[in-house]
């Protein structure tokens, strides 16, 4: 019984270590800069409005 518990504990520890390594390795190195908004005019409430007017 002790051998089974030890085997389960070892599997859990190894699985947790693999998960941590996978999460750290899959993170991007640097965050991507925000994409610029296209400054096209669209009709909002009957008047032309650009993205920069809406979002600043």
N, C-alpha and C. Protein backbone atom coordinates (compact mmCIF):
# COMPACT_ATOMS: atom_id res chain seq x y z
N UNK A 1 0.82 -1.19 0.00
CA UNK A 1 0.00 0.00 0.00
C UNK A 1 0.87 1.26 0.00
N UNK A 2 1.97 1.21 0.78
CA UNK A 2 2.85 2.36 0.83
C UNK A 2 3.51 2.60 -0.53
N UNK A 3 3.81 1.52 -1.25
CA UNK A 3 4.44 1.67 -2.56
C UNK A 3 3.49 2.33 -3.55
N UNK A 4 2.21 2.01 -3.47
CA UNK A 4 1.22 2.61 -4.36
C UNK A 4 1.08 4.10 -4.07
N UNK A 5 1.00 4.46 -2.80
CA UNK A 5 0.91 5.88 -2.43
C UNK A 5 2.16 6.64 -2.86
N UNK A 6 3.32 6.02 -2.69
CA UNK A 6 4.56 6.65 -3.09
C UNK A 6 4.59 6.85 -4.61
N UNK A 7 4.13 5.87 -5.36
CA UNK A 7 4.10 5.97 -6.82
C UNK A 7 3.14 7.08 -7.27
N UNK A 8 1.98 7.17 -6.63
CA UNK A 8 1.02 8.22 -6.96
C UNK A 8 1.60 9.59 -6.64
N UNK A 9 2.26 9.71 -5.50
CA UNK A 9 2.87 10.98 -5.11
C UNK A 9 3.97 11.38 -6.09
N UNK A 10 4.79 10.43 -6.51
CA UNK A 10 5.85 10.72 -7.48
C UNK A 10 5.24 11.16 -8.81
N UNK A 11 4.18 10.51 -9.24
CA UNK A 11 3.52 10.90 -10.49
C UNK A 11 2.94 12.31 -10.40
N UNK A 12 2.35 12.64 -9.27
CA UNK A 12 1.81 13.98 -9.09
C UNK A 12 2.90 15.04 -9.11
N UNK A 13 4.01 14.77 -8.45
CA UNK A 13 5.11 15.73 -8.41
C UNK A 13 5.72 15.91 -9.80
N UNK A 14 5.94 14.82 -10.50
CA UNK A 14 6.51 14.91 -11.84
C UNK A 14 5.53 15.62 -12.78
N UNK A 15 4.26 15.32 -12.68
CA UNK A 15 3.25 15.99 -13.51
C UNK A 15 3.19 17.48 -13.23
N UNK A 16 3.26 17.87 -11.96
CA UNK A 16 3.25 19.29 -11.62
C UNK A 16 4.49 19.98 -12.15
N UNK A 17 5.64 19.33 -12.07
CA UNK A 17 6.88 19.93 -12.59
C UNK A 17 6.80 20.11 -14.10
N UNK A 18 6.28 19.11 -14.80
CA UNK A 18 6.12 19.22 -16.26
C UNK A 18 5.16 20.35 -16.60
N UNK A 19 4.08 20.48 -15.87
CA UNK A 19 3.12 21.55 -16.11
C UNK A 19 3.74 22.92 -15.91
N UNK A 20 4.51 23.09 -14.85
CA UNK A 20 5.17 24.38 -14.59
C UNK A 20 6.16 24.71 -15.71
N UNK A 21 6.95 23.74 -16.13
CA UNK A 21 7.91 23.98 -17.21
C UNK A 21 7.19 24.33 -18.50
N UNK A 22 6.10 23.66 -18.80
CA UNK A 22 5.34 23.93 -20.02
C UNK A 22 4.74 25.34 -20.00
N UNK A 23 4.18 25.76 -18.86
CA UNK A 23 3.59 27.09 -18.76
C UNK A 23 4.66 28.17 -18.91
N UNK A 24 5.79 27.98 -18.26
CA UNK A 24 6.87 28.97 -18.35
C UNK A 24 7.43 29.02 -19.77
N UNK A 25 7.57 27.89 -20.41
CA UNK A 25 8.14 27.86 -21.76
C UNK A 25 7.18 28.40 -22.80
N UNK A 26 5.89 28.33 -22.58
CA UNK A 26 4.93 28.78 -23.59
C UNK A 26 4.58 30.26 -23.47
N UNK A 27 5.10 30.94 -22.43
CA UNK A 27 4.85 32.38 -22.32
C UNK A 27 5.62 33.12 -23.39
N UNK A 28 5.04 34.19 -23.94
CA UNK A 28 5.81 34.99 -24.91
C UNK A 28 6.93 35.74 -24.18
N UNK A 29 8.05 35.95 -24.89
CA UNK A 29 9.19 36.61 -24.28
C UNK A 29 8.89 38.07 -23.92
N UNK A 30 8.24 38.76 -24.81
CA UNK A 30 7.89 40.16 -24.54
C UNK A 30 6.46 40.40 -25.00
N UNK A 31 5.73 41.22 -24.28
CA UNK A 31 4.35 41.47 -24.70
C UNK A 31 4.32 42.23 -26.02
N UNK A 32 3.33 41.90 -26.82
CA UNK A 32 3.20 42.56 -28.11
C UNK A 32 2.69 43.98 -27.92
N UNK A 33 3.22 44.93 -28.67
CA UNK A 33 2.70 46.30 -28.56
C UNK A 33 1.27 46.35 -29.11
N UNK A 34 0.47 47.26 -28.60
CA UNK A 34 -0.91 47.33 -29.10
C UNK A 34 -0.93 47.74 -30.57
N UNK A 35 -1.85 47.14 -31.30
CA UNK A 35 -1.98 47.46 -32.72
C UNK A 35 -2.62 48.83 -32.87
N UNK A 36 -2.16 49.63 -33.82
CA UNK A 36 -2.80 50.93 -34.04
C UNK A 36 -4.19 50.75 -34.64
N UNK A 37 -5.10 51.61 -34.22
CA UNK A 37 -6.46 51.54 -34.76
C UNK A 37 -6.51 52.25 -36.10
N UNK A 38 -7.17 51.64 -37.08
CA UNK A 38 -7.30 52.35 -38.36
C UNK A 38 -8.21 53.56 -38.18
N UNK A 39 -7.83 54.67 -38.77
CA UNK A 39 -8.59 55.90 -38.57
C UNK A 39 -9.58 56.08 -39.71
N UNK A 40 -10.48 55.12 -39.88
CA UNK A 40 -11.49 55.20 -40.93
C UNK A 40 -12.77 55.76 -40.34
N UNK A 41 -13.50 56.48 -41.15
CA UNK A 41 -14.74 57.10 -40.70
C UNK A 41 -15.91 56.14 -40.92
N UNK A 42 -16.77 56.04 -39.92
CA UNK A 42 -17.99 55.26 -40.00
C UNK A 42 -19.14 56.11 -39.52
N UNK A 43 -20.34 55.74 -39.90
CA UNK A 43 -21.51 56.52 -39.51
C UNK A 43 -22.01 56.05 -38.13
N UNK A 44 -22.06 56.96 -37.17
CA UNK A 44 -22.59 56.68 -35.83
C UNK A 44 -23.62 57.75 -35.54
N UNK A 45 -24.86 57.34 -35.36
CA UNK A 45 -25.98 58.25 -35.11
C UNK A 45 -26.07 59.32 -36.19
N UNK A 46 -25.84 58.93 -37.43
CA UNK A 46 -26.04 59.83 -38.55
C UNK A 46 -24.89 60.76 -38.85
N UNK A 47 -23.77 60.67 -38.14
CA UNK A 47 -22.64 61.55 -38.46
C UNK A 47 -21.36 60.72 -38.54
N UNK A 48 -20.43 61.12 -39.39
CA UNK A 48 -19.19 60.35 -39.53
C UNK A 48 -18.32 60.47 -38.27
N UNK A 49 -17.83 59.35 -37.81
CA UNK A 49 -17.00 59.30 -36.61
C UNK A 49 -15.81 58.41 -36.88
N UNK A 50 -14.63 58.79 -36.39
CA UNK A 50 -13.44 57.97 -36.56
C UNK A 50 -13.15 57.19 -35.29
N UNK A 51 -12.29 56.19 -35.43
CA UNK A 51 -11.93 55.38 -34.28
C UNK A 51 -11.20 56.22 -33.21
N UNK A 52 -10.38 57.16 -33.63
CA UNK A 52 -9.66 57.98 -32.66
C UNK A 52 -10.61 58.86 -31.87
N UNK A 53 -11.72 59.27 -32.46
CA UNK A 53 -12.71 60.05 -31.71
C UNK A 53 -13.42 59.17 -30.67
N UNK A 54 -13.64 57.91 -31.01
CA UNK A 54 -14.33 57.01 -30.09
C UNK A 54 -13.44 56.52 -28.96
N UNK A 55 -12.19 56.17 -29.29
CA UNK A 55 -11.31 55.53 -28.31
C UNK A 55 -10.16 56.41 -27.82
N UNK A 56 -9.99 57.56 -28.38
CA UNK A 56 -8.94 58.47 -27.91
C UNK A 56 -7.61 58.25 -28.45
